[in-house]
Amino acid sequence: MITEIINWFNNSSPQTQSAIISASVTILLFIIGGIAKLTYEKYSLNYKMKIEYYFEQRKRIKEIISITKTPLIKSTEELSYRLWSLTNHIDEKWHNLEEDQWNEKGKYYFRSFVYRLLSFFYWTLKAEESIYSFDLKQADKEDALYLKYIKTLKHFFCDRELLEELGYMPGEQTNHFHKNDLAKYCNFIEKDGKLIDFKSFEDKFFNDYEPIRDVILYVTGIENDPYNLNYSTIKAFHLFLILFLNKYGLDYHYTTKTKLTKLMNYEYSDLKIKKGLYLFLKSNKVVSESRIIIKKMKLKK
């Protein structure tokens, strides 16, 4: 059959052969064009969808972060002020109270310390929870770094291994918090989905402070002793908190290199968890962001 068609084509006039070739080429191009168009549209649509998804996720992540960023920075600022105050007044023991003193009316320093620590936990958790429904792989570098900072800040209070140099061994639970318990503590300072103010906090505190006993004991257990577990964590945390505020806070939040260096060379020079702090910074992938701490504190690798 094919041989007969070829012979017929060869015996046809040049005009017929030309017409057949032209028609065949037109049909072939039509088929190829149709396939190419379908392929292009398919991949073009997929590409468009990917790009739209990418930019939509980035946009939404930025929008959500912005909702909690200002109150989080405010809470870190207020906690940082308290920690600066602590370096000057720790020996006054305003926060080292026995339980029968916790409800005394004049103990503002003590109760506000507890409130500021809880507020920090609250806004840190809110910042994390708000972005869990998004694809964080699509976040830009600056947003990803911001989230890494706040996770690291929270982890200071939940990492037992940070204190191993001071003999704080597996199974001990008195000087760090379990991550899952932070939300339980934060429920104490939340009402109708909002953070309560300090006055409302004090009213609840006077009525029943049992739900936040662990946090209270943590604050009352901070002592000016280089081997004190809680103060060791606070010192390490405060240094990184300062870096966070220097990067994301307002101008008046900024701590100069001179002031930060003085803090490390004097008030915090007796830090006993240098190896643990370096390993902690490494595990949280913030070594490059913490270069000044690593260098000035001579952290052990």
C-alpha atoms as a PDB file:
ATOM      1  CA  MET A   1       0.000   0.000   0.000  1.00  0.00           C
ATOM      2  CA  ILE A   2       2.747   2.431   1.051  1.00  0.00           C
ATOM      3  CA  THR A   3       4.802   1.461  -2.021  1.00  0.00           C
ATOM      4  CA  GLU A   4       1.849   2.241  -4.292  1.00  0.00           C
ATOM      5  CA  ILE A   5       1.359   5.656  -2.639  1.00  0.00           C
ATOM      6  CA  ILE A   6       5.071   6.460  -3.096  1.00  0.00           C
ATOM      7  CA  ASN A   7       4.964   5.391  -6.771  1.00  0.00           C
ATOM      8  CA  TRP A   8       1.835   7.457  -7.352  1.00  0.00           C
ATOM      9  CA  PHE A   9       3.463  10.493  -5.726  1.00  0.00           C
ATOM     10  CA  ASN A  10       6.618  10.064  -7.825  1.00  0.00           C
ATOM     11  CA  ASN A  11       4.588   9.804 -11.058  1.00  0.00           C
ATOM     12  CA  SER A  12       2.482  12.861 -10.192  1.00  0.00           C
ATOM     13  CA  SER A  13       3.056  16.195 -11.811  1.00  0.00           C
ATOM     14  CA  PRO A  14       5.350  18.675 -10.059  1.00  0.00           C
ATOM     15  CA  GLN A  15       2.330  20.886  -9.338  1.00  0.00           C
ATOM     16  CA  THR A  16       0.540  18.011  -7.570  1.00  0.00           C
ATOM     17  CA  GLN A  17       3.643  17.047  -5.601  1.00  0.00           C
ATOM     18  CA  SER A  18       4.119  20.660  -4.493  1.00  0.00           C
ATOM     19  CA  ALA A  19       0.494  20.945  -3.379  1.00  0.00           C
ATOM     20  CA  ILE A  20       0.691  17.692  -1.399  1.00  0.00           C
ATOM     21  CA  ILE A  21       3.950  18.722   0.315  1.00  0.00           C
ATOM     22  CA  SER A  22       2.538  22.158   1.178  1.00  0.00           C
ATOM     23  CA  ALA A  23      -0.630  20.656   2.639  1.00  0.00           C
ATOM     24  CA  SER A  24       1.361  18.069   4.604  1.00  0.00           C
ATOM     25  CA  VAL A  25       3.636  20.721   6.070  1.00  0.00           C
ATOM     26  CA  THR A  26       0.639  22.845   7.038  1.00  0.00           C
ATOM     27  CA  ILE A  27      -1.028  19.911   8.778  1.00  0.00           C
ATOM     28  CA  LEU A  28       2.231  18.928  10.527  1.00  0.00           C
ATOM     29  CA  LEU A  29       2.847  22.479  11.727  1.00  0.00           C
ATOM     30  CA  PHE A  30      -0.743  22.674  12.953  1.00  0.00           C
ATOM     31  CA  ILE A  31      -0.297  19.487  14.978  1.00  0.00           C
ATOM     32  CA  ILE A  32       3.104  20.552  16.365  1.00  0.00           C
ATOM     33  CA  GLY A  33       1.772  24.007  17.120  1.00  0.00           C
ATOM     34  CA  GLY A  34      -1.193  22.576  18.979  1.00  0.00           C
ATOM     35  CA  ILE A  35       1.023  20.319  21.067  1.00  0.00           C
ATOM     36  CA  ALA A  36       3.437  23.155  21.766  1.00  0.00           C
ATOM     37  CA  LYS A  37       0.593  25.450  22.768  1.00  0.00           C
ATOM     38  CA  LEU A  38      -0.882  22.884  25.150  1.00  0.00           C
ATOM     39  CA  THR A  39       2.551  22.215  26.675  1.00  0.00           C
ATOM     40  CA  TYR A  40       3.315  25.917  27.047  1.00  0.00           C
ATOM     41  CA  GLU A  41      -0.034  26.682  28.601  1.00  0.00           C
ATOM     42  CA  LYS A  42       0.307  23.790  31.003  1.00  0.00           C
ATOM     43  CA  TYR A  43       3.796  24.724  32.228  1.00  0.00           C
ATOM     44  CA  SER A  44       3.089  28.434  32.019  1.00  0.00           C
ATOM     45  CA  LEU A  45       0.065  27.980  34.299  1.00  0.00           C
ATOM     46  CA  ASN A  46       2.069  25.883  36.764  1.00  0.00           C
ATOM     47  CA  TYR A  47       4.834  28.464  36.808  1.00  0.00           C
ATOM     48  CA  LYS A  48       2.353  31.268  37.291  1.00  0.00           C
ATOM     49  CA  MET A  49       0.691  29.411  40.149  1.00  0.00           C
ATOM     50  CA  LYS A  50       4.057  28.780  41.820  1.00  0.00           C
ATOM     51  CA  ILE A  51       5.053  32.417  41.540  1.00  0.00           C
ATOM     52  CA  GLU A  52       1.697  33.604  42.866  1.00  0.00           C
ATOM     53  CA  TYR A  53       1.915  31.136  45.751  1.00  0.00           C
ATOM     54  CA  TYR A  54       5.480  32.233  46.542  1.00  0.00           C
ATOM     55  CA  PHE A  55       4.695  35.933  46.682  1.00  0.00           C
ATOM     56  CA  GLU A  56       1.352  35.446  48.435  1.00  0.00           C
ATOM     57  CA  GLN A  57       3.030  33.415  51.189  1.00  0.00           C
ATOM     58  CA  ARG A  58       5.755  36.027  51.592  1.00  0.00           C
ATOM     59  CA  LYS A  59       3.212  38.802  51.767  1.00  0.00           C
ATOM     60  CA  ARG A  60       1.032  37.007  54.315  1.00  0.00           C
ATOM     61  CA  ILE A  61       4.020  36.043  56.479  1.00  0.00           C
ATOM     62  CA  LYS A  62       5.107  39.694  56.601  1.00  0.00           C
ATOM     63  CA  GLU A  63       1.589  40.836  57.438  1.00  0.00           C
ATOM     64  CA  ILE A  64       1.187  38.291  60.226  1.00  0.00           C
ATOM     65  CA  ILE A  65       4.624  38.976  61.695  1.00  0.00           C
ATOM     66  CA  SER A  66       3.864  42.701  61.792  1.00  0.00           C
ATOM     67  CA  ILE A  67       0.805  42.097  64.012  1.00  0.00           C
ATOM     68  CA  THR A  68       2.846  40.694  66.912  1.00  0.00           C
ATOM     69  CA  LYS A  69       6.189  42.375  66.210  1.00  0.00           C
ATOM     70  CA  THR A  70       5.506  45.685  67.962  1.00  0.00           C
ATOM     71  CA  PRO A  71       4.097  44.203  71.208  1.00  0.00           C
ATOM     72  CA  LEU A  72       6.856  41.576  71.230  1.00  0.00           C
ATOM     73  CA  ILE A  73       9.551  44.223  70.936  1.00  0.00           C
ATOM     74  CA  LYS A  74       7.819  46.227  73.669  1.00  0.00           C
ATOM     75  CA  SER A  75       7.782  43.208  75.972  1.00  0.00           C
ATOM     76  CA  THR A  76      11.463  42.432  75.293  1.00  0.00           C
ATOM     77  CA  GLU A  77      12.333  46.082  75.897  1.00  0.00           C
ATOM     78  CA  GLU A  78      10.580  46.085  79.297  1.00  0.00           C
ATOM     79  CA  LEU A  79      12.176  42.788  80.270  1.00  0.00           C
ATOM     80  CA  SER A  80      15.590  44.066  79.196  1.00  0.00           C
ATOM     81  CA  TYR A  81      15.146  47.187  81.365  1.00  0.00           C
ATOM     82  CA  ARG A  82      14.415  44.933  84.320  1.00  0.00           C
ATOM     83  CA  LEU A  83      17.517  42.841  83.634  1.00  0.00           C
ATOM     84  CA  TRP A  84      19.680  45.960  83.400  1.00  0.00           C
ATOM     85  CA  SER A  85      18.188  47.014  86.729  1.00  0.00           C
ATOM     86  CA  LEU A  86      18.924  43.582  88.142  1.00  0.00           C
ATOM     87  CA  THR A  87      22.644  43.963  87.437  1.00  0.00           C
ATOM     88  CA  ASN A  88      22.663  47.036  89.698  1.00  0.00           C
ATOM     89  CA  HIS A  89      20.226  45.923  92.387  1.00  0.00           C
ATOM     90  CA  ILE A  90      20.465  42.147  92.592  1.00  0.00           C
ATOM     91  CA  ASP A  91      22.047  42.318  96.022  1.00  0.00           C
ATOM     92  CA  GLU A  92      19.059  44.314  97.273  1.00  0.00           C
ATOM     93  CA  LYS A  93      17.137  41.028  96.994  1.00  0.00           C
ATOM     94  CA  TRP A  94      13.885  42.808  96.099  1.00  0.00           C
ATOM     95  CA  HIS A  95      12.847  39.685  94.177  1.00  0.00           C
ATOM     96  CA  ASN A  96      14.171  37.093  96.653  1.00  0.00           C
ATOM     97  CA  LEU A  97      10.992  36.688  98.697  1.00  0.00           C
ATOM     98  CA  GLU A  98       9.539  33.910 100.773  1.00  0.00           C
ATOM     99  CA  GLU A  99       6.052  32.782  99.807  1.00  0.00           C
ATOM    100  CA  ASP A 100       4.397  34.550 102.712  1.00  0.00           C
ATOM    101  CA  GLN A 101       5.718  37.833 101.228  1.00  0.00           C
ATOM    102  CA  TRP A 102       4.494  37.304  97.671  1.00  0.00           C
ATOM    103  CA  ASN A 103       1.150  39.041  98.259  1.00  0.00           C
ATOM    104  CA  GLU A 104       2.459  41.958 100.263  1.00  0.00           C
ATOM    105  CA  LYS A 105       1.281  45.235  98.766  1.00  0.00           C
ATOM    106  CA  GLY A 106       4.678  46.867  98.489  1.00  0.00           C
ATOM    107  CA  LYS A 107       6.379  44.150  96.436  1.00  0.00           C
ATOM    108  CA  TYR A 108       6.005  45.816  93.026  1.00  0.00           C
ATOM    109  CA  TYR A 109       9.524  44.950  91.848  1.00  0.00           C
ATOM    110  CA  PHE A 110       8.967  41.261  92.467  1.00  0.00           C
ATOM    111  CA  ARG A 111       5.500  40.984  90.886  1.00  0.00           C
ATOM    112  CA  SER A 112       6.367  43.203  87.916  1.00  0.00           C
ATOM    113  CA  PHE A 113       9.408  41.001  87.290  1.00  0.00           C
ATOM    114  CA  VAL A 114       7.124  37.965  87.070  1.00  0.00           C
ATOM    115  CA  TYR A 115       4.694  39.875  84.842  1.00  0.00           C
ATOM    116  CA  ARG A 116       7.409  41.015  82.440  1.00  0.00           C
ATOM    117  CA  LEU A 117       8.787  37.506  82.082  1.00  0.00           C
ATOM    118  CA  LEU A 118       5.307  36.125  81.437  1.00  0.00           C
ATOM    119  CA  SER A 119       4.571  38.898  78.920  1.00  0.00           C
ATOM    120  CA  PHE A 120       7.732  37.989  77.053  1.00  0.00           C
ATOM    121  CA  PHE A 121       6.679  34.330  76.917  1.00  0.00           C
ATOM    122  CA  TYR A 122       3.184  35.373  75.826  1.00  0.00           C
ATOM    123  CA  TRP A 123       4.245  37.469  72.838  1.00  0.00           C
ATOM    124  CA  THR A 124       6.924  35.000  71.809  1.00  0.00           C
ATOM    125  CA  LEU A 125       4.353  32.218  71.644  1.00  0.00           C
ATOM    126  CA  LYS A 126       1.870  34.470  69.839  1.00  0.00           C
ATOM    127  CA  ALA A 127       4.496  35.353  67.236  1.00  0.00           C
ATOM    128  CA  GLU A 128       5.236  31.680  66.618  1.00  0.00           C
ATOM    129  CA  GLU A 129       1.639  30.476  66.591  1.00  0.00           C
ATOM    130  CA  SER A 130       0.532  33.148  64.136  1.00  0.00           C
ATOM    131  CA  ILE A 131       2.738  31.889  61.322  1.00  0.00           C
ATOM    132  CA  TYR A 132       2.398  28.114  61.724  1.00  0.00           C
ATOM    133  CA  SER A 133      -0.283  27.902  59.011  1.00  0.00           C
ATOM    134  CA  PHE A 134       2.083  29.340  56.398  1.00  0.00           C
ATOM    135  CA  ASP A 135       4.865  27.794  54.358  1.00  0.00           C
ATOM    136  CA  LEU A 136       7.895  29.229  56.159  1.00  0.00           C
ATOM    137  CA  LYS A 137      10.204  28.033  53.386  1.00  0.00           C
ATOM    138  CA  GLN A 138       8.794  30.913  51.342  1.00  0.00           C
ATOM    139  CA  ALA A 139       9.727  33.578  53.939  1.00  0.00           C
ATOM    140  CA  ASP A 140      12.393  36.028  52.849  1.00  0.00           C
ATOM    141  CA  LYS A 141      15.753  35.967  54.625  1.00  0.00           C
ATOM    142  CA  GLU A 142      14.990  38.867  56.950  1.00  0.00           C
ATOM    143  CA  ASP A 143      11.693  37.381  58.150  1.00  0.00           C
ATOM    144  CA  ALA A 144      13.265  33.938  58.552  1.00  0.00           C
ATOM    145  CA  LEU A 145      16.059  35.477  60.644  1.00  0.00           C
ATOM    146  CA  TYR A 146      13.556  37.343  62.819  1.00  0.00           C
ATOM    147  CA  LEU A 147      11.690  34.108  63.548  1.00  0.00           C
ATOM    148  CA  LYS A 148      14.979  32.393  64.337  1.00  0.00           C
ATOM    149  CA  TYR A 149      15.814  35.136  66.844  1.00  0.00           C
ATOM    150  CA  ILE A 150      12.543  34.811  68.758  1.00  0.00           C
ATOM    151  CA  LYS A 151      12.715  31.011  68.823  1.00  0.00           C
ATOM    152  CA  THR A 152      16.231  31.250  70.229  1.00  0.00           C
ATOM    153  CA  LEU A 153      15.153  33.736  72.905  1.00  0.00           C
ATOM    154  CA  LYS A 154      12.422  31.362  74.065  1.00  0.00           C
ATOM    155  CA  HIS A 155      14.745  28.357  74.003  1.00  0.00           C
ATOM    156  CA  PHE A 156      17.076  29.925  76.590  1.00  0.00           C
ATOM    157  CA  PHE A 157      14.517  29.139  79.275  1.00  0.00           C
ATOM    158  CA  CYS A 158      13.729  25.645  77.998  1.00  0.00           C
ATOM    159  CA  ASP A 159      17.168  24.171  77.293  1.00  0.00           C
ATOM    160  CA  ARG A 160      18.452  22.016  80.129  1.00  0.00           C
ATOM    161  CA  GLU A 161      21.760  21.312  78.375  1.00  0.00           C
ATOM    162  CA  LEU A 162      22.664  24.994  78.586  1.00  0.00           C
ATOM    163  CA  LEU A 163      23.307  24.435  82.306  1.00  0.00           C
ATOM    164  CA  GLU A 164      25.101  21.098  82.246  1.00  0.00           C
ATOM    165  CA  GLU A 165      28.439  22.706  83.149  1.00  0.00           C
ATOM    166  CA  LEU A 166      26.903  23.587  86.506  1.00  0.00           C
ATOM    167  CA  GLY A 167      25.881  19.990  87.149  1.00  0.00           C
ATOM    168  CA  TYR A 168      22.278  20.352  85.990  1.00  0.00           C
ATOM    169  CA  MET A 169      21.680  16.832  84.795  1.00  0.00           C
ATOM    170  CA  PRO A 170      19.010  14.988  82.765  1.00  0.00           C
ATOM    171  CA  GLY A 171      15.831  14.493  84.749  1.00  0.00           C
ATOM    172  CA  GLU A 172      16.162  17.690  86.746  1.00  0.00           C
ATOM    173  CA  GLN A 173      13.277  20.106  86.211  1.00  0.00           C
ATOM    174  CA  THR A 174      13.684  22.880  88.767  1.00  0.00           C
ATOM    175  CA  ASN A 175      15.621  25.476  86.790  1.00  0.00           C
ATOM    176  CA  HIS A 176      14.209  25.397  83.285  1.00  0.00           C
ATOM    177  CA  PHE A 177      10.736  25.310  81.763  1.00  0.00           C
ATOM    178  CA  HIS A 178       9.169  22.697  79.528  1.00  0.00           C
ATOM    179  CA  LYS A 179       8.121  24.257  76.234  1.00  0.00           C
ATOM    180  CA  ASN A 180       4.613  22.862  76.474  1.00  0.00           C
ATOM    181  CA  ASP A 181       4.152  24.467  79.898  1.00  0.00           C
ATOM    182  CA  LEU A 182       4.801  28.002  78.647  1.00  0.00           C
ATOM    183  CA  ALA A 183       1.326  28.210  77.097  1.00  0.00           C
ATOM    184  CA  LYS A 184      -0.189  27.143  80.429  1.00  0.00           C
ATOM    185  CA  TYR A 185       1.620  29.955  82.247  1.00  0.00           C
ATOM    186  CA  CYS A 186       0.595  32.446  79.577  1.00  0.00           C
ATOM    187  CA  ASN A 187      -3.070  31.568  80.040  1.00  0.00           C
ATOM    188  CA  PHE A 188      -2.794  33.294  83.405  1.00  0.00           C
ATOM    189  CA  ILE A 189      -2.198  36.683  81.769  1.00  0.00           C
ATOM    190  CA  GLU A 190      -4.709  36.320  78.931  1.00  0.00           C
ATOM    191  CA  LYS A 191      -8.378  37.237  78.899  1.00  0.00           C
ATOM    192  CA  ASP A 192     -10.652  37.154  75.854  1.00  0.00           C
ATOM    193  CA  GLY A 193      -7.638  36.547  73.617  1.00  0.00           C
ATOM    194  CA  LYS A 194      -5.729  39.594  74.882  1.00  0.00           C
ATOM    195  CA  LEU A 195      -2.890  40.240  77.290  1.00  0.00           C
ATOM    196  CA  ILE A 196      -4.149  41.668  80.577  1.00  0.00           C
ATOM    197  CA  ASP A 197      -2.495  44.768  82.037  1.00  0.00           C
ATOM    198  CA  PHE A 198      -0.355  44.747  85.157  1.00  0.00           C
ATOM    199  CA  LYS A 199      -3.134  45.843  87.489  1.00  0.00           C
ATOM    200  CA  SER A 200      -5.372  42.999  86.322  1.00  0.00           C
ATOM    201  CA  PHE A 201      -2.427  40.657  86.704  1.00  0.00           C
ATOM    202  CA  GLU A 202      -1.910  41.747  90.301  1.00  0.00           C
ATOM    203  CA  ASP A 203      -5.612  41.218  91.046  1.00  0.00           C
ATOM    204  CA  LYS A 204      -5.383  37.640  89.744  1.00  0.00           C
ATOM    205  CA  PHE A 205      -2.075  37.134  91.519  1.00  0.00           C
ATOM    206  CA  PHE A 206      -3.515  38.183  94.891  1.00  0.00           C
ATOM    207  CA  ASN A 207      -6.447  35.833  94.358  1.00  0.00           C
ATOM    208  CA  ASP A 208      -4.558  32.722  93.201  1.00  0.00           C
ATOM    209  CA  TYR A 209      -0.977  32.569  91.907  1.00  0.00           C
ATOM    210  CA  GLU A 210      -0.778  28.766  91.920  1.00  0.00           C
ATOM    211  CA  PRO A 211      -0.975  28.396  88.079  1.00  0.00           C
ATOM    212  CA  ILE A 212       2.279  30.362  87.712  1.00  0.00           C
ATOM    213  CA  ARG A 213       4.103  29.055  90.784  1.00  0.00           C
ATOM    214  CA  ASP A 214       6.947  27.700  88.613  1.00  0.00           C
ATOM    215  CA  VAL A 215       7.586  31.124  87.098  1.00  0.00           C
ATOM    216  CA  ILE A 216       7.456  32.798  90.510  1.00  0.00           C
ATOM    217  CA  LEU A 217       9.954  30.322  91.943  1.00  0.00           C
ATOM    218  CA  TYR A 218      12.213  30.907  88.960  1.00  0.00           C
ATOM    219  CA  VAL A 219      12.301  34.656  89.650  1.00  0.00           C
ATOM    220  CA  THR A 220      12.723  34.295  93.410  1.00  0.00           C
ATOM    221  CA  GLY A 221      15.543  31.815  92.785  1.00  0.00           C
ATOM    222  CA  ILE A 222      17.764  34.316  90.916  1.00  0.00           C
ATOM    223  CA  GLU A 223      20.757  35.084  93.133  1.00  0.00           C
ATOM    224  CA  ASN A 224      24.074  36.890  92.689  1.00  0.00           C
ATOM    225  CA  ASP A 225      26.167  33.746  92.613  1.00  0.00           C
ATOM    226  CA  PRO A 226      28.145  32.665  89.528  1.00  0.00           C
ATOM    227  CA  TYR A 227      26.959  29.110  90.134  1.00  0.00           C
ATOM    228  CA  ASN A 228      23.302  30.079  90.420  1.00  0.00           C
ATOM    229  CA  LEU A 229      21.472  28.253  87.632  1.00  0.00           C
ATOM    230  CA  ASN A 230      18.743  30.822  87.065  1.00  0.00           C
ATOM    231  CA  TYR A 231      21.046  33.833  87.003  1.00  0.00           C
ATOM    232  CA  SER A 232      23.402  32.001  84.633  1.00  0.00           C
ATOM    233  CA  THR A 233      20.531  31.576  82.185  1.00  0.00           C
ATOM    234  CA  ILE A 234      19.412  35.179  82.681  1.00  0.00           C
ATOM    235  CA  LYS A 235      22.908  36.506  81.920  1.00  0.00           C
ATOM    236  CA  ALA A 236      23.219  34.486  78.708  1.00  0.00           C
ATOM    237  CA  PHE A 237      19.670  35.361  77.683  1.00  0.00           C
ATOM    238  CA  HIS A 238      20.146  39.072  78.352  1.00  0.00           C
ATOM    239  CA  LEU A 239      23.171  39.270  76.066  1.00  0.00           C
ATOM    240  CA  PHE A 240      21.258  37.767  73.161  1.00  0.00           C
ATOM    241  CA  LEU A 241      18.187  39.848  74.005  1.00  0.00           C
ATOM    242  CA  ILE A 242      20.322  42.971  73.599  1.00  0.00           C
ATOM    243  CA  LEU A 243      21.400  41.807  70.136  1.00  0.00           C
ATOM    244  CA  PHE A 244      17.751  41.256  69.231  1.00  0.00           C
ATOM    245  CA  LEU A 245      16.743  44.750  70.326  1.00  0.00           C
ATOM    246  CA  ASN A 246      19.746  46.283  68.564  1.00  0.00           C
ATOM    247  CA  LYS A 247      18.595  44.684  65.317  1.00  0.00           C
ATOM    248  CA  TYR A 248      14.819  45.031  65.508  1.00  0.00           C
ATOM    249  CA  GLY A 249      14.125  47.667  68.141  1.00  0.00           C
ATOM    250  CA  LEU A 250      13.861  51.424  67.809  1.00  0.00           C
ATOM    251  CA  ASP A 251      16.769  53.825  68.173  1.00  0.00           C
ATOM    252  CA  TYR A 252      16.259  54.248  71.891  1.00  0.00           C
ATOM    253  CA  HIS A 253      16.409  50.465  72.339  1.00  0.00           C
ATOM    254  CA  TYR A 254      19.954  50.370  71.015  1.00  0.00           C
ATOM    255  CA  THR A 255      22.805  49.353  73.318  1.00  0.00           C
ATOM    256  CA  THR A 256      26.171  50.667  72.191  1.00  0.00           C
ATOM    257  CA  LYS A 257      29.070  48.287  71.676  1.00  0.00           C
ATOM    258  CA  THR A 258      30.888  50.032  74.523  1.00  0.00           C
ATOM    259  CA  LYS A 259      28.037  49.476  76.978  1.00  0.00           C
ATOM    260  CA  LEU A 260      27.531  45.875  75.874  1.00  0.00           C
ATOM    261  CA  THR A 261      31.260  45.161  76.155  1.00  0.00           C
ATOM    262  CA  LYS A 262      31.320  46.630  79.675  1.00  0.00           C
ATOM    263  CA  LEU A 263      28.436  44.361  80.662  1.00  0.00           C
ATOM    264  CA  MET A 264      30.341  41.321  79.400  1.00  0.00           C
ATOM    265  CA  ASN A 265      33.680  42.392  80.900  1.00  0.00           C
ATOM    266  CA  TYR A 266      32.323  43.241  84.342  1.00  0.00           C
ATOM    267  CA  GLU A 267      28.784  42.299  85.460  1.00  0.00           C
ATOM    268  CA  TYR A 268      28.622  39.103  83.387  1.00  0.00           C
ATOM    269  CA  SER A 269      32.325  38.236  83.288  1.00  0.00           C
ATOM    270  CA  ASP A 270      31.876  35.381  85.776  1.00  0.00           C
ATOM    271  CA  LEU A 271      29.520  33.399  83.508  1.00  0.00           C
ATOM    272  CA  LYS A 272      30.158  29.699  84.112  1.00  0.00           C
ATOM    273  CA  ILE A 273      28.252  28.203  81.179  1.00  0.00           C
ATOM    274  CA  LYS A 274      30.512  29.351  78.349  1.00  0.00           C
ATOM    275  CA  LYS A 275      30.732  25.977  76.630  1.00  0.00           C
ATOM    276  CA  GLY A 276      27.012  25.394  77.055  1.00  0.00           C
ATOM    277  CA  LEU A 277      26.207  28.840  75.673  1.00  0.00           C
ATOM    278  CA  TYR A 278      28.343  28.303  72.583  1.00  0.00           C
ATOM    279  CA  LEU A 279      26.730  24.913  71.899  1.00  0.00           C
ATOM    280  CA  PHE A 280      23.314  26.478  72.468  1.00  0.00           C
ATOM    281  CA  LEU A 281      23.980  29.276  69.959  1.00  0.00           C
ATOM    282  CA  LYS A 282      25.295  26.726  67.488  1.00  0.00           C
ATOM    283  CA  SER A 283      22.281  24.414  67.837  1.00  0.00           C
ATOM    284  CA  ASN A 284      19.958  27.398  67.279  1.00  0.00           C
ATOM    285  CA  LYS A 285      22.001  28.407  64.212  1.00  0.00           C
ATOM    286  CA  VAL A 286      22.766  31.935  65.440  1.00  0.00           C
ATOM    287  CA  VAL A 287      26.545  31.747  65.740  1.00  0.00           C
ATOM    288  CA  SER A 288      27.179  34.396  63.083  1.00  0.00           C
ATOM    289  CA  GLU A 289      24.628  36.730  64.701  1.00  0.00           C
ATOM    290  CA  SER A 290      26.328  36.232  68.085  1.00  0.00           C
ATOM    291  CA  ARG A 291      29.937  36.889  67.088  1.00  0.00           C
ATOM    292  CA  ILE A 292      30.432  39.706  69.598  1.00  0.00           C
ATOM    293  CA  ILE A 293      29.190  37.513  72.468  1.00  0.00           C
ATOM    294  CA  ILE A 294      31.375  34.600  71.410  1.00  0.00           C
ATOM    295  CA  LYS A 295      34.443  36.811  71.075  1.00  0.00           C
ATOM    296  CA  LYS A 296      34.078  39.021  74.159  1.00  0.00           C
ATOM    297  CA  MET A 297      32.907  36.235  76.465  1.00  0.00           C
ATOM    298  CA  LYS A 298      35.564  33.864  75.066  1.00  0.00           C
ATOM    299  CA  LEU A 299      33.061  31.094  74.679  1.00  0.00           C
ATOM    300  CA  LYS A 300      34.448  27.603  74.499  1.00  0.00           C
ATOM    301  CA  LYS A 301      33.865  25.690  71.286  1.00  0.00           C
END
